[in-house]
N, C-alpha and C. Protein backbone atom coordinates (compact mmCIF):
# COMPACT_ATOMS: atom_id res chain seq x y z
N UNK A 1 16.11 -7.71 -2.84
CA UNK A 1 15.02 -6.73 -2.81
C UNK A 1 15.34 -5.63 -3.82
N UNK A 2 14.32 -5.23 -4.54
CA UNK A 2 14.46 -4.20 -5.57
C UNK A 2 13.62 -2.99 -5.15
N UNK A 3 14.16 -1.80 -5.33
CA UNK A 3 13.45 -0.56 -5.06
C UNK A 3 13.39 0.25 -6.35
N UNK A 4 12.24 0.91 -6.59
CA UNK A 4 12.13 1.73 -7.80
C UNK A 4 11.08 2.81 -7.59
N UNK A 5 11.21 3.89 -8.33
CA UNK A 5 10.22 4.99 -8.33
C UNK A 5 9.52 4.99 -9.67
N UNK A 6 8.18 5.16 -9.63
CA UNK A 6 7.37 5.10 -10.84
C UNK A 6 6.41 6.28 -10.84
N UNK A 7 6.19 6.90 -12.00
CA UNK A 7 5.16 7.92 -12.15
C UNK A 7 3.98 7.32 -12.89
N UNK A 8 2.80 7.44 -12.29
CA UNK A 8 1.57 6.94 -12.90
C UNK A 8 1.03 8.02 -13.83
N UNK A 9 1.19 7.80 -15.13
CA UNK A 9 0.70 8.76 -16.13
C UNK A 9 -0.28 8.12 -17.09
N UNK A 10 -1.04 7.13 -16.61
CA UNK A 10 -2.05 6.49 -17.45
C UNK A 10 -2.34 5.09 -16.98
N UNK A 11 -3.44 4.52 -17.47
CA UNK A 11 -3.81 3.17 -17.10
C UNK A 11 -2.69 2.20 -17.43
N UNK A 12 -2.41 1.26 -16.52
CA UNK A 12 -1.43 0.23 -16.78
C UNK A 12 -1.65 -0.97 -15.86
N UNK A 13 -0.94 -2.05 -16.14
CA UNK A 13 -1.11 -3.30 -15.40
C UNK A 13 0.21 -3.72 -14.77
N UNK A 14 0.15 -4.11 -13.49
CA UNK A 14 1.29 -4.71 -12.82
C UNK A 14 1.07 -6.22 -12.86
N UNK A 15 2.05 -6.94 -13.40
CA UNK A 15 1.96 -8.39 -13.57
C UNK A 15 2.80 -9.05 -12.47
N UNK A 16 2.28 -10.15 -11.92
CA UNK A 16 3.01 -10.89 -10.89
C UNK A 16 4.39 -11.29 -11.41
N UNK A 17 5.41 -11.24 -10.54
CA UNK A 17 6.76 -11.56 -10.99
C UNK A 17 6.93 -13.04 -11.34
N UNK A 18 7.92 -13.32 -12.19
CA UNK A 18 8.18 -14.69 -12.62
C UNK A 18 9.15 -15.42 -11.68
N UNK A 19 9.84 -14.66 -10.83
CA UNK A 19 10.82 -15.26 -9.91
C UNK A 19 10.54 -14.80 -8.48
N UNK A 20 10.92 -15.63 -7.51
CA UNK A 20 10.76 -15.26 -6.11
C UNK A 20 11.58 -14.03 -5.78
N UNK A 21 11.04 -13.18 -4.91
CA UNK A 21 11.74 -11.98 -4.49
C UNK A 21 10.75 -10.95 -3.96
N UNK A 22 11.27 -9.75 -3.69
CA UNK A 22 10.45 -8.67 -3.14
C UNK A 22 10.82 -7.37 -3.84
N UNK A 23 9.81 -6.59 -4.21
CA UNK A 23 10.02 -5.31 -4.88
C UNK A 23 9.19 -4.24 -4.18
N UNK A 24 9.79 -3.08 -3.93
CA UNK A 24 9.10 -1.92 -3.37
C UNK A 24 9.04 -0.85 -4.46
N UNK A 25 7.83 -0.41 -4.77
CA UNK A 25 7.65 0.64 -5.78
C UNK A 25 7.04 1.87 -5.12
N UNK A 26 7.69 3.01 -5.30
CA UNK A 26 7.12 4.28 -4.85
C UNK A 26 6.43 4.89 -6.06
N UNK A 27 5.10 4.89 -6.03
CA UNK A 27 4.29 5.44 -7.12
C UNK A 27 3.91 6.88 -6.81
N UNK A 28 4.05 7.77 -7.79
CA UNK A 28 3.58 9.14 -7.68
C UNK A 28 2.61 9.37 -8.84
N UNK A 29 1.42 9.86 -8.52
CA UNK A 29 0.44 10.14 -9.58
C UNK A 29 0.84 11.38 -10.36
N UNK A 30 0.95 11.23 -11.68
CA UNK A 30 1.21 12.35 -12.56
C UNK A 30 -0.08 13.05 -12.93
N UNK A 31 -0.01 14.05 -13.82
CA UNK A 31 -1.20 14.83 -14.18
C UNK A 31 -2.25 14.02 -14.93
N UNK A 32 -1.86 12.89 -15.54
CA UNK A 32 -2.84 12.07 -16.26
C UNK A 32 -2.88 10.66 -15.67
N UNK A 33 -2.80 10.57 -14.33
CA UNK A 33 -2.77 9.27 -13.65
C UNK A 33 -3.97 8.42 -14.04
N UNK A 34 -3.72 7.13 -14.20
CA UNK A 34 -4.78 6.20 -14.58
C UNK A 34 -4.91 5.07 -13.58
N UNK A 35 -5.77 4.14 -13.90
CA UNK A 35 -6.04 3.00 -13.04
C UNK A 35 -4.90 1.98 -13.12
N UNK A 36 -4.48 1.47 -11.96
CA UNK A 36 -3.48 0.41 -11.92
C UNK A 36 -4.23 -0.91 -11.73
N UNK A 37 -4.00 -1.86 -12.62
CA UNK A 37 -4.63 -3.17 -12.54
C UNK A 37 -3.56 -4.19 -12.16
N UNK A 38 -3.92 -5.13 -11.29
CA UNK A 38 -3.00 -6.18 -10.86
C UNK A 38 -3.46 -7.49 -11.47
N UNK A 39 -2.51 -8.27 -12.04
CA UNK A 39 -2.88 -9.55 -12.65
C UNK A 39 -1.86 -10.63 -12.29
N UNK A 40 -2.36 -11.85 -12.08
CA UNK A 40 -1.49 -12.98 -11.79
C UNK A 40 -1.13 -13.14 -10.33
N UNK A 41 -1.73 -12.35 -9.45
CA UNK A 41 -1.43 -12.41 -8.02
C UNK A 41 -2.43 -13.31 -7.30
N UNK A 42 -1.94 -14.05 -6.28
CA UNK A 42 -2.82 -14.89 -5.47
C UNK A 42 -3.70 -14.04 -4.56
N UNK A 43 -3.17 -12.92 -4.08
CA UNK A 43 -3.92 -12.04 -3.18
C UNK A 43 -3.32 -10.65 -3.23
N UNK A 44 -4.16 -9.65 -2.91
CA UNK A 44 -3.71 -8.27 -2.84
C UNK A 44 -4.42 -7.56 -1.71
N UNK A 45 -3.78 -6.56 -1.15
CA UNK A 45 -4.32 -5.88 0.01
C UNK A 45 -4.33 -4.36 -0.17
N UNK A 46 -5.39 -3.73 0.29
CA UNK A 46 -5.51 -2.28 0.40
C UNK A 46 -5.52 -1.55 -0.93
N UNK A 47 -6.05 -2.15 -1.99
CA UNK A 47 -6.12 -1.45 -3.27
C UNK A 47 -7.11 -0.30 -3.21
N UNK A 48 -8.00 -0.28 -2.21
CA UNK A 48 -8.95 0.83 -2.07
C UNK A 48 -8.23 2.15 -1.80
N UNK A 49 -6.97 2.07 -1.36
CA UNK A 49 -6.22 3.30 -1.10
C UNK A 49 -5.70 3.95 -2.37
N UNK A 50 -5.68 3.23 -3.48
CA UNK A 50 -5.19 3.81 -4.73
C UNK A 50 -6.20 4.82 -5.28
N UNK A 51 -5.69 5.90 -5.84
CA UNK A 51 -6.53 6.88 -6.51
C UNK A 51 -5.74 7.50 -7.66
N UNK A 52 -6.34 8.44 -8.36
CA UNK A 52 -5.66 9.08 -9.48
C UNK A 52 -5.47 10.58 -9.23
N UNK A 53 -5.45 11.00 -7.98
CA UNK A 53 -5.28 12.41 -7.64
C UNK A 53 -3.83 12.82 -7.88
N UNK A 54 -3.66 13.86 -8.68
CA UNK A 54 -2.31 14.34 -9.04
C UNK A 54 -1.48 14.60 -7.79
N UNK A 55 -0.26 14.07 -7.77
CA UNK A 55 0.67 14.30 -6.68
C UNK A 55 0.58 13.29 -5.55
N UNK A 56 -0.49 12.50 -5.47
CA UNK A 56 -0.57 11.51 -4.41
C UNK A 56 0.48 10.43 -4.61
N UNK A 57 0.96 9.89 -3.48
CA UNK A 57 2.02 8.88 -3.51
C UNK A 57 1.55 7.61 -2.82
N UNK A 58 2.08 6.49 -3.31
CA UNK A 58 1.72 5.18 -2.77
C UNK A 58 2.96 4.30 -2.76
N UNK A 59 3.07 3.47 -1.74
CA UNK A 59 4.10 2.45 -1.71
C UNK A 59 3.42 1.13 -2.05
N UNK A 60 3.91 0.46 -3.09
CA UNK A 60 3.37 -0.84 -3.48
C UNK A 60 4.48 -1.86 -3.27
N UNK A 61 4.19 -2.84 -2.41
CA UNK A 61 5.14 -3.91 -2.13
C UNK A 61 4.66 -5.17 -2.83
N UNK A 62 5.52 -5.74 -3.66
CA UNK A 62 5.19 -6.96 -4.40
C UNK A 62 6.11 -8.06 -3.88
N UNK A 63 5.52 -9.20 -3.50
CA UNK A 63 6.30 -10.30 -2.96
C UNK A 63 5.94 -11.59 -3.69
N UNK A 64 6.95 -12.41 -3.91
CA UNK A 64 6.71 -13.76 -4.44
C UNK A 64 7.61 -14.71 -3.66
N UNK A 65 7.00 -15.75 -3.08
CA UNK A 65 7.73 -16.76 -2.32
C UNK A 65 7.15 -18.11 -2.69
N UNK A 66 8.01 -19.04 -3.06
CA UNK A 66 7.61 -20.39 -3.46
C UNK A 66 6.55 -20.36 -4.55
N UNK A 67 6.65 -19.39 -5.45
CA UNK A 67 5.75 -19.31 -6.58
C UNK A 67 4.42 -18.63 -6.31
N UNK A 68 4.21 -18.13 -5.08
CA UNK A 68 2.96 -17.46 -4.72
C UNK A 68 3.22 -15.96 -4.64
N UNK A 69 2.49 -15.18 -5.44
CA UNK A 69 2.69 -13.73 -5.52
C UNK A 69 1.57 -12.98 -4.81
N UNK A 70 1.96 -11.96 -4.03
CA UNK A 70 1.01 -11.08 -3.35
C UNK A 70 1.49 -9.65 -3.50
N UNK A 71 0.61 -8.71 -3.20
CA UNK A 71 1.00 -7.30 -3.20
C UNK A 71 0.25 -6.58 -2.09
N UNK A 72 0.80 -5.44 -1.68
CA UNK A 72 0.18 -4.60 -0.66
C UNK A 72 0.39 -3.15 -1.05
N UNK A 73 -0.66 -2.34 -0.85
CA UNK A 73 -0.62 -0.91 -1.21
C UNK A 73 -0.74 -0.09 0.07
N UNK A 74 0.08 0.94 0.19
CA UNK A 74 -0.01 1.86 1.32
C UNK A 74 -0.01 3.29 0.80
N UNK A 75 -1.08 4.03 1.09
CA UNK A 75 -1.15 5.44 0.70
C UNK A 75 -0.22 6.25 1.60
N UNK A 76 0.47 7.22 1.04
CA UNK A 76 1.43 8.03 1.80
C UNK A 76 0.94 9.45 2.03
N UNK A 77 -0.37 9.65 1.92
CA UNK A 77 -0.95 10.96 2.21
C UNK A 77 -2.14 10.74 3.13
N UNK A 78 -2.66 11.84 3.67
CA UNK A 78 -3.82 11.75 4.54
C UNK A 78 -4.99 11.17 3.77
N UNK A 79 -5.87 10.44 4.46
CA UNK A 79 -7.04 9.89 3.79
C UNK A 79 -7.92 10.98 3.19
N UNK A 80 -8.63 10.63 2.15
CA UNK A 80 -9.55 11.55 1.49
C UNK A 80 -10.65 11.95 2.47
N UNK A 81 -10.83 13.25 2.75
CA UNK A 81 -11.83 13.68 3.73
C UNK A 81 -13.26 13.28 3.37
N UNK A 82 -13.51 12.98 2.09
CA UNK A 82 -14.87 12.55 1.72
C UNK A 82 -15.23 11.22 2.35
N UNK A 83 -14.21 10.48 2.80
CA UNK A 83 -14.47 9.15 3.37
C UNK A 83 -14.12 9.08 4.85
N UNK A 84 -13.98 10.24 5.51
CA UNK A 84 -13.58 10.26 6.91
C UNK A 84 -14.48 9.42 7.80
N UNK A 85 -15.79 9.41 7.53
CA UNK A 85 -16.71 8.66 8.38
C UNK A 85 -16.52 7.15 8.25
N UNK A 86 -15.77 6.69 7.25
CA UNK A 86 -15.55 5.27 7.06
C UNK A 86 -14.17 4.83 7.55
N UNK A 87 -13.39 5.76 8.09
CA UNK A 87 -12.04 5.45 8.56
C UNK A 87 -12.11 5.03 10.02
N UNK A 88 -11.51 3.90 10.32
CA UNK A 88 -11.48 3.42 11.69
C UNK A 88 -10.21 3.97 12.34
N UNK A 89 -10.36 4.71 13.44
CA UNK A 89 -9.15 5.27 14.06
C UNK A 89 -8.27 4.17 14.63
N UNK A 90 -6.97 4.39 14.55
CA UNK A 90 -6.02 3.44 15.11
C UNK A 90 -5.90 3.72 16.61
N UNK A 91 -6.03 2.69 17.40
CA UNK A 91 -5.92 2.82 18.84
C UNK A 91 -4.67 2.07 19.27
N UNK A 92 -3.79 2.76 19.90
CA UNK A 92 -2.58 2.12 20.39
C UNK A 92 -2.84 1.50 21.76
N UNK A 93 -2.38 0.30 21.98
CA UNK A 93 -2.53 -0.34 23.27
C UNK A 93 -1.48 0.22 24.21
N UNK A 94 -1.93 0.63 25.35
CA UNK A 94 -1.02 1.15 26.35
C UNK A 94 -1.20 0.34 27.63
N UNK A 95 -0.13 -0.24 28.13
CA UNK A 95 -0.27 -1.02 29.36
C UNK A 95 -0.59 -0.11 30.54
N UNK A 96 -1.31 -0.67 31.48
CA UNK A 96 -1.60 0.08 32.71
C UNK A 96 -0.31 0.29 33.47
N UNK A 97 -0.13 1.47 34.07
CA UNK A 97 1.08 1.68 34.86
C UNK A 97 1.02 0.76 36.09
N UNK A 98 2.18 0.33 36.55
CA UNK A 98 2.17 -0.54 37.71
C UNK A 98 1.60 0.17 38.93
N UNK A 99 0.85 -0.57 39.69
CA UNK A 99 0.27 0.01 40.91
C UNK A 99 1.31 0.10 42.00
N UNK A 100 0.90 0.66 43.13
CA UNK A 100 1.88 0.77 44.23
C UNK A 100 2.29 -0.63 44.70
N UNK A 101 3.53 -0.74 44.99
CA UNK A 101 4.03 -2.03 45.47
C UNK A 101 3.80 -2.14 46.95
N UNK A 102 3.45 -3.34 47.37
CA UNK A 102 3.24 -3.58 48.80
C UNK A 102 4.55 -4.03 49.41
N UNK A 103 4.84 -3.51 50.58
CA UNK A 103 6.08 -3.95 51.22
C UNK A 103 5.81 -4.61 52.54
């Protein structure tokens, strides 16, 4: 597994890896952040979380197994309030407490 920190200071492309493995990239948007394009991947998830707002951070996980490459994006800041009405709240499942035991 490879870990790296990257500053987004302009449009660029992430290319699918040539060898099997996993990479974690911590992206921080710089003052001239640009669009990140993904190429050569079989599938990608959560790219809607990417933006070009200065200072925003994202974790991008790139995986390749048996020649199949995928990626996943996770925003590390609060969601943009302009889109609050489109955010589905996370509901945690909580088991019911046990009832009284019969003796």
